[in-house]
Amino acid sequence: MKENRRRLETIGETEETYKDFISIVGDKPIGDYTREDGREYRNTLSRIPKNRKKVTEYRDKTLSEILSMDVPSQDRISRETQSKLSSRIIALWNFLIDEYSEFVKENVFRGKS
């Protein structure tokens, strides 16, 4: 992303998305992710609160702690944000398919929204 002259803010947001992704589905070899992981990721996004790093109730908690809470639906991230986060993971997997096809054969994160 740096080589493609992406804004530092964009790079930081993308890194945070990847960290959250690992928190949600786990850190495993790229070839071991499944469609079930993709479904779990998409379903979990719908439970994440908006502005969780700014809102007092959530900011000092890990993502796992937040996901164990009952976040009111009006406090959750929008569908547009969910779509943006999913798109970042889908784009990463497309890159992995292109560059590391010996490990990744399909984009298991591409699915119906």
N, C-alpha and C. Protein backbone atom coordinates (compact mmCIF):
# COMPACT_ATOMS: atom_id res chain seq x y z
N MET A 1 0.82 -1.19 0.00
CA MET A 1 0.00 0.00 0.00
C MET A 1 0.87 1.26 0.00
N LYS A 2 2.01 1.19 0.71
CA LYS A 2 2.91 2.34 0.74
C LYS A 2 3.49 2.57 -0.65
N GLU A 3 3.83 1.48 -1.33
CA GLU A 3 4.38 1.61 -2.68
C GLU A 3 3.36 2.19 -3.65
N ASN A 4 2.09 1.96 -3.40
CA ASN A 4 1.03 2.49 -4.25
C ASN A 4 0.56 3.86 -3.80
N ARG A 5 1.32 4.46 -2.88
CA ARG A 5 1.08 5.82 -2.40
C ARG A 5 -0.29 6.00 -1.74
N ARG A 6 -0.69 5.01 -0.98
CA ARG A 6 -1.93 5.13 -0.21
C ARG A 6 -1.69 6.06 0.97
N ARG A 7 -2.75 6.73 1.38
CA ARG A 7 -2.65 7.62 2.54
C ARG A 7 -2.33 6.80 3.78
N LEU A 8 -1.56 7.39 4.68
CA LEU A 8 -1.19 6.70 5.92
C LEU A 8 -2.43 6.33 6.73
N GLU A 9 -3.44 7.18 6.70
CA GLU A 9 -4.69 6.88 7.41
C GLU A 9 -5.35 5.62 6.85
N THR A 10 -5.35 5.48 5.54
CA THR A 10 -5.92 4.30 4.89
C THR A 10 -5.14 3.05 5.27
N ILE A 11 -3.83 3.17 5.26
CA ILE A 11 -2.98 2.03 5.63
C ILE A 11 -3.26 1.62 7.08
N GLY A 12 -3.35 2.59 7.98
CA GLY A 12 -3.64 2.30 9.38
C GLY A 12 -4.99 1.63 9.58
N GLU A 13 -6.02 2.13 8.87
CA GLU A 13 -7.35 1.53 8.97
C GLU A 13 -7.33 0.09 8.47
N THR A 14 -6.60 -0.14 7.39
CA THR A 14 -6.52 -1.48 6.83
C THR A 14 -5.80 -2.42 7.80
N GLU A 15 -4.72 -1.96 8.41
CA GLU A 15 -4.02 -2.78 9.41
C GLU A 15 -4.93 -3.14 10.57
N GLU A 16 -5.74 -2.19 11.03
CA GLU A 16 -6.68 -2.45 12.11
C GLU A 16 -7.73 -3.48 11.69
N THR A 17 -8.17 -3.39 10.44
CA THR A 17 -9.13 -4.37 9.92
C THR A 17 -8.52 -5.77 9.96
N TYR A 18 -7.25 -5.89 9.56
CA TYR A 18 -6.59 -7.20 9.57
C TYR A 18 -6.43 -7.73 10.99
N LYS A 19 -6.10 -6.85 11.94
CA LYS A 19 -5.97 -7.28 13.34
C LYS A 19 -7.32 -7.75 13.88
N ASP A 20 -8.39 -7.01 13.56
CA ASP A 20 -9.72 -7.42 14.00
C ASP A 20 -10.12 -8.74 13.36
N PHE A 21 -9.77 -8.90 12.11
CA PHE A 21 -10.05 -10.15 11.40
C PHE A 21 -9.45 -11.34 12.15
N ILE A 22 -8.19 -11.20 12.54
CA ILE A 22 -7.51 -12.29 13.27
C ILE A 22 -8.16 -12.51 14.62
N SER A 23 -8.58 -11.44 15.28
CA SER A 23 -9.27 -11.59 16.57
C SER A 23 -10.59 -12.35 16.42
N ILE A 24 -11.25 -12.16 15.28
CA ILE A 24 -12.56 -12.78 15.07
C ILE A 24 -12.44 -14.24 14.66
N VAL A 25 -11.63 -14.53 13.64
CA VAL A 25 -11.59 -15.91 13.11
C VAL A 25 -10.34 -16.68 13.48
N GLY A 26 -9.38 -16.01 14.10
CA GLY A 26 -8.17 -16.71 14.52
C GLY A 26 -7.03 -16.55 13.53
N ASP A 27 -5.85 -16.78 14.04
CA ASP A 27 -4.62 -16.66 13.25
C ASP A 27 -4.19 -18.07 12.84
N LYS A 28 -4.32 -18.36 11.56
CA LYS A 28 -3.94 -19.68 11.06
C LYS A 28 -3.31 -19.53 9.68
N PRO A 29 -2.70 -20.57 9.17
CA PRO A 29 -2.12 -20.48 7.83
C PRO A 29 -3.20 -20.08 6.81
N ILE A 30 -2.81 -19.28 5.84
CA ILE A 30 -3.81 -18.73 4.91
C ILE A 30 -4.59 -19.80 4.17
N GLY A 31 -4.00 -20.93 3.93
CA GLY A 31 -4.70 -21.99 3.22
C GLY A 31 -5.71 -22.74 4.08
N ASP A 32 -5.72 -22.47 5.38
CA ASP A 32 -6.62 -23.18 6.30
C ASP A 32 -7.94 -22.47 6.55
N TYR A 33 -8.09 -21.25 6.05
CA TYR A 33 -9.36 -20.54 6.24
C TYR A 33 -10.43 -21.16 5.35
N THR A 34 -11.65 -21.21 5.88
CA THR A 34 -12.75 -21.88 5.19
C THR A 34 -13.91 -20.92 4.96
N ARG A 35 -14.89 -21.39 4.22
CA ARG A 35 -16.12 -20.61 4.02
C ARG A 35 -16.81 -20.33 5.35
N GLU A 36 -16.71 -21.27 6.29
CA GLU A 36 -17.28 -21.06 7.61
C GLU A 36 -16.61 -19.87 8.31
N ASP A 37 -15.30 -19.72 8.12
CA ASP A 37 -14.60 -18.56 8.67
C ASP A 37 -15.14 -17.27 8.04
N GLY A 38 -15.36 -17.31 6.75
CA GLY A 38 -15.93 -16.15 6.06
C GLY A 38 -17.30 -15.79 6.59
N ARG A 39 -18.12 -16.79 6.80
CA ARG A 39 -19.46 -16.56 7.33
C ARG A 39 -19.38 -16.02 8.76
N GLU A 40 -18.50 -16.61 9.58
CA GLU A 40 -18.34 -16.14 10.95
C GLU A 40 -17.88 -14.68 10.97
N TYR A 41 -16.94 -14.34 10.09
CA TYR A 41 -16.45 -12.97 10.03
C TYR A 41 -17.58 -12.00 9.67
N ARG A 42 -18.30 -12.31 8.61
CA ARG A 42 -19.40 -11.42 8.18
C ARG A 42 -20.47 -11.30 9.27
N ASN A 43 -20.83 -12.40 9.91
CA ASN A 43 -21.85 -12.36 10.96
C ASN A 43 -21.37 -11.59 12.19
N THR A 44 -20.11 -11.71 12.52
CA THR A 44 -19.56 -11.02 13.68
C THR A 44 -19.51 -9.52 13.46
N LEU A 45 -19.22 -9.09 12.24
CA LEU A 45 -19.16 -7.66 11.96
C LEU A 45 -20.46 -6.96 12.35
N SER A 46 -21.58 -7.65 12.19
CA SER A 46 -22.88 -7.03 12.47
C SER A 46 -23.09 -6.79 13.96
N ARG A 47 -22.21 -7.28 14.82
CA ARG A 47 -22.35 -7.11 16.27
C ARG A 47 -21.36 -6.11 16.87
N ILE A 48 -20.50 -5.54 16.03
CA ILE A 48 -19.47 -4.62 16.51
C ILE A 48 -20.06 -3.22 16.67
N PRO A 49 -19.76 -2.55 17.80
CA PRO A 49 -20.28 -1.18 17.98
C PRO A 49 -19.50 -0.16 17.15
N LYS A 50 -20.20 0.87 16.73
CA LYS A 50 -19.52 1.95 16.01
C LYS A 50 -18.69 2.76 17.00
N ASN A 51 -17.62 3.33 16.52
CA ASN A 51 -16.72 4.16 17.33
C ASN A 51 -16.27 3.46 18.61
N ARG A 52 -15.99 2.18 18.51
CA ARG A 52 -15.67 1.41 19.72
C ARG A 52 -14.37 1.85 20.38
N LYS A 53 -13.51 2.52 19.67
CA LYS A 53 -12.26 2.98 20.28
C LYS A 53 -12.40 4.37 20.88
N LYS A 54 -13.56 4.99 20.66
CA LYS A 54 -13.82 6.33 21.20
C LYS A 54 -14.87 6.32 22.31
N VAL A 55 -15.87 5.46 22.19
CA VAL A 55 -16.97 5.42 23.15
C VAL A 55 -16.46 4.83 24.47
N THR A 56 -16.69 5.54 25.55
CA THR A 56 -16.18 5.16 26.87
C THR A 56 -16.51 3.73 27.24
N GLU A 57 -17.71 3.30 26.94
CA GLU A 57 -18.17 1.96 27.32
C GLU A 57 -17.34 0.84 26.68
N TYR A 58 -16.75 1.12 25.51
CA TYR A 58 -16.05 0.07 24.76
C TYR A 58 -14.55 0.26 24.62
N ARG A 59 -14.06 1.48 24.74
CA ARG A 59 -12.68 1.78 24.32
C ARG A 59 -11.58 1.05 25.06
N ASP A 60 -11.80 0.65 26.28
CA ASP A 60 -10.75 -0.05 27.03
C ASP A 60 -10.92 -1.56 27.01
N LYS A 61 -11.81 -2.05 26.16
CA LYS A 61 -12.09 -3.48 26.09
C LYS A 61 -11.51 -4.07 24.80
N THR A 62 -11.17 -5.35 24.87
CA THR A 62 -10.72 -6.05 23.67
C THR A 62 -11.93 -6.34 22.79
N LEU A 63 -11.68 -6.69 21.56
CA LEU A 63 -12.78 -7.03 20.66
C LEU A 63 -13.54 -8.24 21.19
N SER A 64 -12.85 -9.20 21.74
CA SER A 64 -13.50 -10.38 22.33
C SER A 64 -14.43 -10.00 23.47
N GLU A 65 -13.97 -9.10 24.31
CA GLU A 65 -14.81 -8.64 25.43
C GLU A 65 -16.05 -7.92 24.91
N ILE A 66 -15.86 -7.09 23.91
CA ILE A 66 -16.99 -6.35 23.34
C ILE A 66 -17.99 -7.31 22.72
N LEU A 67 -17.50 -8.32 22.01
CA LEU A 67 -18.41 -9.26 21.35
C LEU A 67 -19.18 -10.11 22.35
N SER A 68 -18.69 -10.22 23.57
CA SER A 68 -19.42 -10.97 24.59
C SER A 68 -20.51 -10.11 25.25
N MET A 69 -20.49 -8.81 24.94
CA MET A 69 -21.48 -7.89 25.49
C MET A 69 -22.72 -7.88 24.60
N ASP A 70 -23.82 -7.40 25.16
CA ASP A 70 -25.05 -7.22 24.39
C ASP A 70 -25.08 -5.77 23.90
N VAL A 71 -24.52 -5.55 22.70
CA VAL A 71 -24.45 -4.21 22.13
C VAL A 71 -25.80 -3.88 21.50
N PRO A 72 -26.44 -2.79 21.94
CA PRO A 72 -27.73 -2.42 21.35
C PRO A 72 -27.61 -2.22 19.84
N SER A 73 -28.63 -2.59 19.10
CA SER A 73 -28.55 -2.53 17.64
C SER A 73 -28.29 -1.10 17.13
N GLN A 74 -28.79 -0.09 17.82
CA GLN A 74 -28.57 1.28 17.38
C GLN A 74 -27.11 1.73 17.58
N ASP A 75 -26.34 0.99 18.38
CA ASP A 75 -24.93 1.31 18.61
C ASP A 75 -23.98 0.56 17.69
N ARG A 76 -24.50 -0.29 16.83
CA ARG A 76 -23.64 -1.14 15.99
C ARG A 76 -23.23 -0.42 14.71
N ILE A 77 -22.13 -0.91 14.12
CA ILE A 77 -21.66 -0.30 12.87
C ILE A 77 -22.71 -0.49 11.77
N SER A 78 -22.68 0.41 10.82
CA SER A 78 -23.66 0.39 9.74
C SER A 78 -23.35 -0.72 8.74
N ARG A 79 -24.32 -1.02 7.91
CA ARG A 79 -24.10 -2.02 6.84
C ARG A 79 -23.01 -1.54 5.89
N GLU A 80 -22.94 -0.24 5.66
CA GLU A 80 -21.90 0.30 4.78
C GLU A 80 -20.51 0.04 5.36
N THR A 81 -20.37 0.22 6.67
CA THR A 81 -19.08 -0.04 7.31
C THR A 81 -18.77 -1.53 7.28
N GLN A 82 -19.77 -2.36 7.53
CA GLN A 82 -19.57 -3.81 7.45
C GLN A 82 -19.09 -4.19 6.06
N SER A 83 -19.71 -3.60 5.05
CA SER A 83 -19.33 -3.89 3.66
C SER A 83 -17.90 -3.45 3.38
N LYS A 84 -17.52 -2.28 3.89
CA LYS A 84 -16.16 -1.78 3.69
C LYS A 84 -15.13 -2.71 4.33
N LEU A 85 -15.42 -3.17 5.55
CA LEU A 85 -14.50 -4.07 6.24
C LEU A 85 -14.39 -5.41 5.52
N SER A 86 -15.53 -5.93 5.08
CA SER A 86 -15.51 -7.19 4.31
C SER A 86 -14.74 -7.02 3.02
N SER A 87 -14.92 -5.88 2.37
CA SER A 87 -14.22 -5.63 1.10
C SER A 87 -12.71 -5.66 1.27
N ARG A 88 -12.24 -5.16 2.39
CA ARG A 88 -10.79 -5.18 2.64
C ARG A 88 -10.27 -6.61 2.74
N ILE A 89 -11.02 -7.48 3.39
CA ILE A 89 -10.59 -8.88 3.53
C ILE A 89 -10.70 -9.59 2.19
N ILE A 90 -11.76 -9.32 1.45
CA ILE A 90 -11.92 -9.91 0.13
C ILE A 90 -10.77 -9.49 -0.78
N ALA A 91 -10.40 -8.21 -0.72
CA ALA A 91 -9.29 -7.72 -1.54
C ALA A 91 -7.97 -8.38 -1.14
N LEU A 92 -7.77 -8.57 0.16
CA LEU A 92 -6.56 -9.26 0.63
C LEU A 92 -6.53 -10.68 0.06
N TRP A 93 -7.67 -11.37 0.12
CA TRP A 93 -7.70 -12.75 -0.38
C TRP A 93 -7.50 -12.79 -1.89
N ASN A 94 -8.02 -11.82 -2.62
CA ASN A 94 -7.78 -11.77 -4.06
C ASN A 94 -6.29 -11.61 -4.34
N PHE A 95 -5.63 -10.77 -3.56
CA PHE A 95 -4.18 -10.59 -3.68
C PHE A 95 -3.46 -11.91 -3.40
N LEU A 96 -3.87 -12.59 -2.33
CA LEU A 96 -3.23 -13.86 -1.97
C LEU A 96 -3.42 -14.92 -3.06
N ILE A 97 -4.60 -14.95 -3.67
CA ILE A 97 -4.85 -15.89 -4.77
C ILE A 97 -3.91 -15.60 -5.93
N ASP A 98 -3.75 -14.32 -6.25
CA ASP A 98 -2.89 -13.93 -7.37
C ASP A 98 -1.41 -14.20 -7.08
N GLU A 99 -0.98 -13.89 -5.88
CA GLU A 99 0.45 -13.97 -5.55
C GLU A 99 0.88 -15.29 -4.92
N TYR A 100 -0.03 -15.97 -4.25
CA TYR A 100 0.33 -17.19 -3.53
C TYR A 100 -0.68 -18.31 -3.82
N SER A 101 -0.89 -18.55 -5.09
CA SER A 101 -1.91 -19.53 -5.50
C SER A 101 -1.57 -20.95 -5.04
N GLU A 102 -0.33 -21.20 -4.66
CA GLU A 102 0.00 -22.52 -4.14
C GLU A 102 -0.60 -22.74 -2.75
N PHE A 103 -0.98 -21.66 -2.07
CA PHE A 103 -1.58 -21.76 -0.73
C PHE A 103 -3.07 -21.45 -0.72
N VAL A 104 -3.50 -20.53 -1.58
CA VAL A 104 -4.89 -20.06 -1.58
C VAL A 104 -5.49 -20.30 -2.96
N LYS A 105 -6.53 -21.12 -3.00
CA LYS A 105 -7.16 -21.47 -4.28
C LYS A 105 -8.44 -20.69 -4.55
N GLU A 106 -9.14 -20.29 -3.47
CA GLU A 106 -10.40 -19.57 -3.66
C GLU A 106 -10.56 -18.51 -2.58
N ASN A 107 -11.39 -17.54 -2.87
CA ASN A 107 -11.66 -16.50 -1.91
C ASN A 107 -12.84 -16.92 -1.05
N VAL A 108 -12.53 -17.49 0.11
CA VAL A 108 -13.58 -18.01 1.00
C VAL A 108 -14.32 -16.89 1.72
N PHE A 109 -13.85 -15.66 1.57
CA PHE A 109 -14.51 -14.54 2.23
C PHE A 109 -15.46 -13.81 1.31
N ARG A 110 -15.47 -14.18 0.06
CA ARG A 110 -16.44 -13.59 -0.85
C ARG A 110 -17.74 -14.37 -0.64
N GLY A 111 -18.78 -13.66 -0.33
CA GLY A 111 -20.05 -14.31 -0.09
C GLY A 111 -21.17 -13.31 -0.19
N LYS A 112 -22.33 -13.80 0.01
CA LYS A 112 -23.48 -12.93 -0.05
C LYS A 112 -23.53 -12.06 1.21
N SER A 113 -23.80 -10.79 1.03
CA SER A 113 -23.87 -9.86 2.17
C SER A 113 -25.24 -9.94 2.81
